[in-house]
Amino acid sequence: MGIVKMKSLAREYIWWPSINKDIELIASQCTGCAKYKKRPPLAPLTHWPWAASPMERVHIDFADYKGVQLLIVVDAYTKYLWTCVMGQDTTTPRLLRQLDSIFADRGLPTTIVSDNGPQFTSLLFAEHMKANGIKHVLTP
């Protein structure tokens, strides 16, 4: 049972001024609730074709580590991994500066794969990819 149903059911039988807050507190501390709560459906796995050479396809995403955002870049062929500390600045201009720094050292990739994060779906990102001849693929 979800928290909304739990509150609704409780209000059918009893009420007090802080009922919502109290039920939310109890539910947040309930191990059974956490174990059995509905989770969003898992996205189907995408099987990518094998890359034929370094920098043919790179996958990029952000990760959070102890409140600090990291840019993760992985070359699909070599499995080489770059991590860039972004702090809290994950804007598109900052992202592009980090990618340009990596690509200045290793060369431009043919394809970049990312999720649908706002930095990756921005017009600035799309224009930068087009200007550099990089195909951008969004994951479902």
C-alpha atoms as a PDB file:
ATOM      1  CA  MET A   1       0.000   0.000   0.000  1.00  0.00           C
ATOM      2  CA  GLY A   2       1.368   3.416  -0.875  1.00  0.00           C
ATOM      3  CA  ILE A   3       1.525   6.366   1.480  1.00  0.00           C
ATOM      4  CA  VAL A   4      -1.434   8.077  -0.219  1.00  0.00           C
ATOM      5  CA  LYS A   5      -3.651   5.012   0.280  1.00  0.00           C
ATOM      6  CA  MET A   6      -2.358   4.624   3.831  1.00  0.00           C
ATOM      7  CA  LYS A   7      -3.380   8.210   4.692  1.00  0.00           C
ATOM      8  CA  SER A   8      -6.745   7.819   2.996  1.00  0.00           C
ATOM      9  CA  LEU A   9      -7.492   4.579   4.833  1.00  0.00           C
ATOM     10  CA  ALA A  10      -6.470   6.044   8.191  1.00  0.00           C
ATOM     11  CA  ARG A  11      -8.672   9.119   7.663  1.00  0.00           C
ATOM     12  CA  GLU A  12     -11.694   6.842   7.079  1.00  0.00           C
ATOM     13  CA  TYR A  13     -11.465   5.689  10.702  1.00  0.00           C
ATOM     14  CA  ILE A  14      -9.716   8.421  12.672  1.00  0.00           C
ATOM     15  CA  TRP A  15      -8.309  11.927  12.382  1.00  0.00           C
ATOM     16  CA  TRP A  16      -5.999  14.205  14.369  1.00  0.00           C
ATOM     17  CA  PRO A  17      -4.295  17.482  13.410  1.00  0.00           C
ATOM     18  CA  SER A  18      -0.919  16.019  12.407  1.00  0.00           C
ATOM     19  CA  ILE A  19      -2.170  12.771  10.840  1.00  0.00           C
ATOM     20  CA  ASN A  20      -0.444  13.319   7.473  1.00  0.00           C
ATOM     21  CA  LYS A  21       2.918  14.179   9.027  1.00  0.00           C
ATOM     22  CA  ASP A  22       2.721  11.291  11.487  1.00  0.00           C
ATOM     23  CA  ILE A  23       1.859   8.724   8.801  1.00  0.00           C
ATOM     24  CA  GLU A  24       4.652  10.024   6.543  1.00  0.00           C
ATOM     25  CA  LEU A  25       7.117   9.678   9.440  1.00  0.00           C
ATOM     26  CA  ILE A  26       6.007   6.131  10.238  1.00  0.00           C
ATOM     27  CA  ALA A  27       6.128   5.116   6.556  1.00  0.00           C
ATOM     28  CA  SER A  28       9.611   6.620   6.107  1.00  0.00           C
ATOM     29  CA  GLN A  29      10.923   4.465   8.970  1.00  0.00           C
ATOM     30  CA  CYS A  30       9.141   1.276   7.899  1.00  0.00           C
ATOM     31  CA  THR A  31      11.548  -1.319   6.454  1.00  0.00           C
ATOM     32  CA  GLY A  32       8.671  -3.371   5.026  1.00  0.00           C
ATOM     33  CA  CYS A  33       7.328  -0.285   3.229  1.00  0.00           C
ATOM     34  CA  ALA A  34      10.732   0.382   1.675  1.00  0.00           C
ATOM     35  CA  LYS A  35      11.177  -3.260   0.687  1.00  0.00           C
ATOM     36  CA  TYR A  36       7.808  -3.647  -1.033  1.00  0.00           C
ATOM     37  CA  LYS A  37       7.127  -0.169  -2.382  1.00  0.00           C
ATOM     38  CA  LYS A  38       6.459   0.111  -6.094  1.00  0.00           C
ATOM     39  CA  ARG A  39       9.501   0.939  -8.146  1.00  0.00           C
ATOM     40  CA  PRO A  40       9.463   2.433 -11.632  1.00  0.00           C
ATOM     41  CA  PRO A  41       9.819  -0.211 -14.338  1.00  0.00           C
ATOM     42  CA  LEU A  42      13.368  -0.929 -15.409  1.00  0.00           C
ATOM     43  CA  ALA A  43      14.288   0.307 -18.857  1.00  0.00           C
ATOM     44  CA  PRO A  44      15.121  -2.486 -21.282  1.00  0.00           C
ATOM     45  CA  LEU A  45      18.827  -3.061 -21.778  1.00  0.00           C
ATOM     46  CA  THR A  46      20.248  -1.751 -25.016  1.00  0.00           C
ATOM     47  CA  HIS A  47      22.798  -3.941 -26.722  1.00  0.00           C
ATOM     48  CA  TRP A  48      25.252  -1.721 -28.521  1.00  0.00           C
ATOM     49  CA  PRO A  49      27.232  -2.975 -31.503  1.00  0.00           C
ATOM     50  CA  TRP A  50      30.929  -3.458 -30.823  1.00  0.00           C
ATOM     51  CA  ALA A  51      32.967  -0.345 -31.526  1.00  0.00           C
ATOM     52  CA  ALA A  52      35.610  -0.934 -34.201  1.00  0.00           C
ATOM     53  CA  SER A  53      38.155   1.647 -33.027  1.00  0.00           C
ATOM     54  CA  PRO A  54      38.976   4.028 -30.175  1.00  0.00           C
ATOM     55  CA  MET A  55      36.737   7.102 -29.952  1.00  0.00           C
ATOM     56  CA  GLU A  56      34.243   5.629 -32.406  1.00  0.00           C
ATOM     57  CA  ARG A  57      31.575   5.833 -29.703  1.00  0.00           C
ATOM     58  CA  VAL A  58      31.728   7.358 -26.231  1.00  0.00           C
ATOM     59  CA  HIS A  59      29.060   7.197 -23.546  1.00  0.00           C
ATOM     60  CA  ILE A  60      28.607  10.157 -21.202  1.00  0.00           C
ATOM     61  CA  ASP A  61      26.580  10.792 -18.068  1.00  0.00           C
ATOM     62  CA  PHE A  62      26.650  12.538 -14.723  1.00  0.00           C
ATOM     63  CA  ALA A  63      27.011  10.787 -11.377  1.00  0.00           C
ATOM     64  CA  ASP A  64      26.684  12.132  -7.861  1.00  0.00           C
ATOM     65  CA  TYR A  65      29.320  11.294  -5.268  1.00  0.00           C
ATOM     66  CA  LYS A  66      28.775  12.751  -1.805  1.00  0.00           C
ATOM     67  CA  GLY A  67      26.959  15.768  -3.220  1.00  0.00           C
ATOM     68  CA  VAL A  68      29.535  16.459  -5.932  1.00  0.00           C
ATOM     69  CA  GLN A  69      28.589  15.988  -9.575  1.00  0.00           C
ATOM     70  CA  LEU A  70      31.015  14.021 -11.743  1.00  0.00           C
ATOM     71  CA  LEU A  71      31.049  13.822 -15.520  1.00  0.00           C
ATOM     72  CA  ILE A  72      31.709  10.227 -16.582  1.00  0.00           C
ATOM     73  CA  VAL A  73      32.970   9.563 -20.117  1.00  0.00           C
ATOM     74  CA  VAL A  74      33.675   6.016 -21.348  1.00  0.00           C
ATOM     75  CA  ASP A  75      35.190   4.992 -24.687  1.00  0.00           C
ATOM     76  CA  ALA A  76      33.187   1.989 -25.936  1.00  0.00           C
ATOM     77  CA  TYR A  77      36.198   0.378 -27.660  1.00  0.00           C
ATOM     78  CA  THR A  78      38.986   0.709 -25.087  1.00  0.00           C
ATOM     79  CA  LYS A  79      36.709   1.027 -22.033  1.00  0.00           C
ATOM     80  CA  TYR A  80      38.937   3.950 -21.033  1.00  0.00           C
ATOM     81  CA  LEU A  81      37.211   6.069 -18.407  1.00  0.00           C
ATOM     82  CA  TRP A  82      37.460   9.790 -17.784  1.00  0.00           C
ATOM     83  CA  THR A  83      35.950  11.449 -14.732  1.00  0.00           C
ATOM     84  CA  CYS A  84      35.712  15.199 -14.397  1.00  0.00           C
ATOM     85  CA  VAL A  85      34.725  16.863 -11.132  1.00  0.00           C
ATOM     86  CA  MET A  86      31.926  19.273 -11.993  1.00  0.00           C
ATOM     87  CA  GLY A  87      31.018  20.367  -8.462  1.00  0.00           C
ATOM     88  CA  GLN A  88      27.503  21.774  -8.727  1.00  0.00           C
ATOM     89  CA  ASP A  89      28.069  23.343 -12.172  1.00  0.00           C
ATOM     90  CA  THR A  90      26.654  20.877 -14.691  1.00  0.00           C
ATOM     91  CA  THR A  91      25.591  23.504 -17.214  1.00  0.00           C
ATOM     92  CA  THR A  92      25.963  22.851 -20.924  1.00  0.00           C
ATOM     93  CA  PRO A  93      28.834  25.352 -21.407  1.00  0.00           C
ATOM     94  CA  ARG A  94      30.815  23.713 -18.577  1.00  0.00           C
ATOM     95  CA  LEU A  95      30.043  20.240 -19.954  1.00  0.00           C
ATOM     96  CA  LEU A  96      31.268  21.251 -23.416  1.00  0.00           C
ATOM     97  CA  ARG A  97      34.510  22.697 -21.993  1.00  0.00           C
ATOM     98  CA  GLN A  98      35.203  19.389 -20.229  1.00  0.00           C
ATOM     99  CA  LEU A  99      34.417  17.331 -23.329  1.00  0.00           C
ATOM    100  CA  ASP A 100      36.547  19.603 -25.520  1.00  0.00           C
ATOM    101  CA  SER A 101      39.439  19.124 -23.096  1.00  0.00           C
ATOM    102  CA  ILE A 102      39.141  15.328 -23.379  1.00  0.00           C
ATOM    103  CA  PHE A 103      38.725  15.423 -27.149  1.00  0.00           C
ATOM    104  CA  ALA A 104      41.719  17.749 -27.583  1.00  0.00           C
ATOM    105  CA  ASP A 105      43.847  14.964 -26.114  1.00  0.00           C
ATOM    106  CA  ARG A 106      42.179  11.897 -27.691  1.00  0.00           C
ATOM    107  CA  GLY A 107      40.464  13.193 -30.834  1.00  0.00           C
ATOM    108  CA  LEU A 108      36.800  13.703 -31.628  1.00  0.00           C
ATOM    109  CA  PRO A 109      34.462  10.736 -31.266  1.00  0.00           C
ATOM    110  CA  THR A 110      32.244   9.678 -34.138  1.00  0.00           C
ATOM    111  CA  THR A 111      29.248   9.198 -31.831  1.00  0.00           C
ATOM    112  CA  ILE A 112      28.307  10.348 -28.335  1.00  0.00           C
ATOM    113  CA  VAL A 113      25.642   8.441 -26.400  1.00  0.00           C
ATOM    114  CA  SER A 114      23.865  10.106 -23.475  1.00  0.00           C
ATOM    115  CA  ASP A 115      20.614  10.052 -21.563  1.00  0.00           C
ATOM    116  CA  ASN A 116      17.994  12.769 -21.917  1.00  0.00           C
ATOM    117  CA  GLY A 117      19.473  15.103 -19.304  1.00  0.00           C
ATOM    118  CA  PRO A 118      18.866  18.801 -19.951  1.00  0.00           C
ATOM    119  CA  GLN A 119      22.545  19.451 -20.708  1.00  0.00           C
ATOM    120  CA  PHE A 120      22.515  16.788 -23.423  1.00  0.00           C
ATOM    121  CA  THR A 121      19.230  17.873 -25.010  1.00  0.00           C
ATOM    122  CA  SER A 122      19.994  21.596 -25.124  1.00  0.00           C
ATOM    123  CA  LEU A 123      20.255  23.506 -28.390  1.00  0.00           C
ATOM    124  CA  LEU A 124      23.820  24.558 -27.502  1.00  0.00           C
ATOM    125  CA  PHE A 125      24.876  20.902 -27.122  1.00  0.00           C
ATOM    126  CA  ALA A 126      23.200  19.933 -30.417  1.00  0.00           C
ATOM    127  CA  GLU A 127      24.874  22.810 -32.269  1.00  0.00           C
ATOM    128  CA  HIS A 128      28.278  21.899 -30.805  1.00  0.00           C
ATOM    129  CA  MET A 129      27.896  18.270 -31.858  1.00  0.00           C
ATOM    130  CA  LYS A 130      26.829  19.279 -35.369  1.00  0.00           C
ATOM    131  CA  ALA A 131      29.684  21.791 -35.714  1.00  0.00           C
ATOM    132  CA  ASN A 132      32.183  19.053 -34.802  1.00  0.00           C
ATOM    133  CA  GLY A 133      30.590  16.346 -36.959  1.00  0.00           C
ATOM    134  CA  ILE A 134      29.649  14.204 -33.956  1.00  0.00           C
ATOM    135  CA  LYS A 135      26.495  12.081 -34.086  1.00  0.00           C
ATOM    136  CA  HIS A 136      24.518  12.336 -30.839  1.00  0.00           C
ATOM    137  CA  VAL A 137      22.403   9.343 -29.781  1.00  0.00           C
ATOM    138  CA  LEU A 138      19.953   9.605 -26.876  1.00  0.00           C
ATOM    139  CA  THR A 139      19.178   6.507 -24.830  1.00  0.00           C
ATOM    140  CA  PRO A 140      15.511   5.659 -24.267  1.00  0.00           C
END
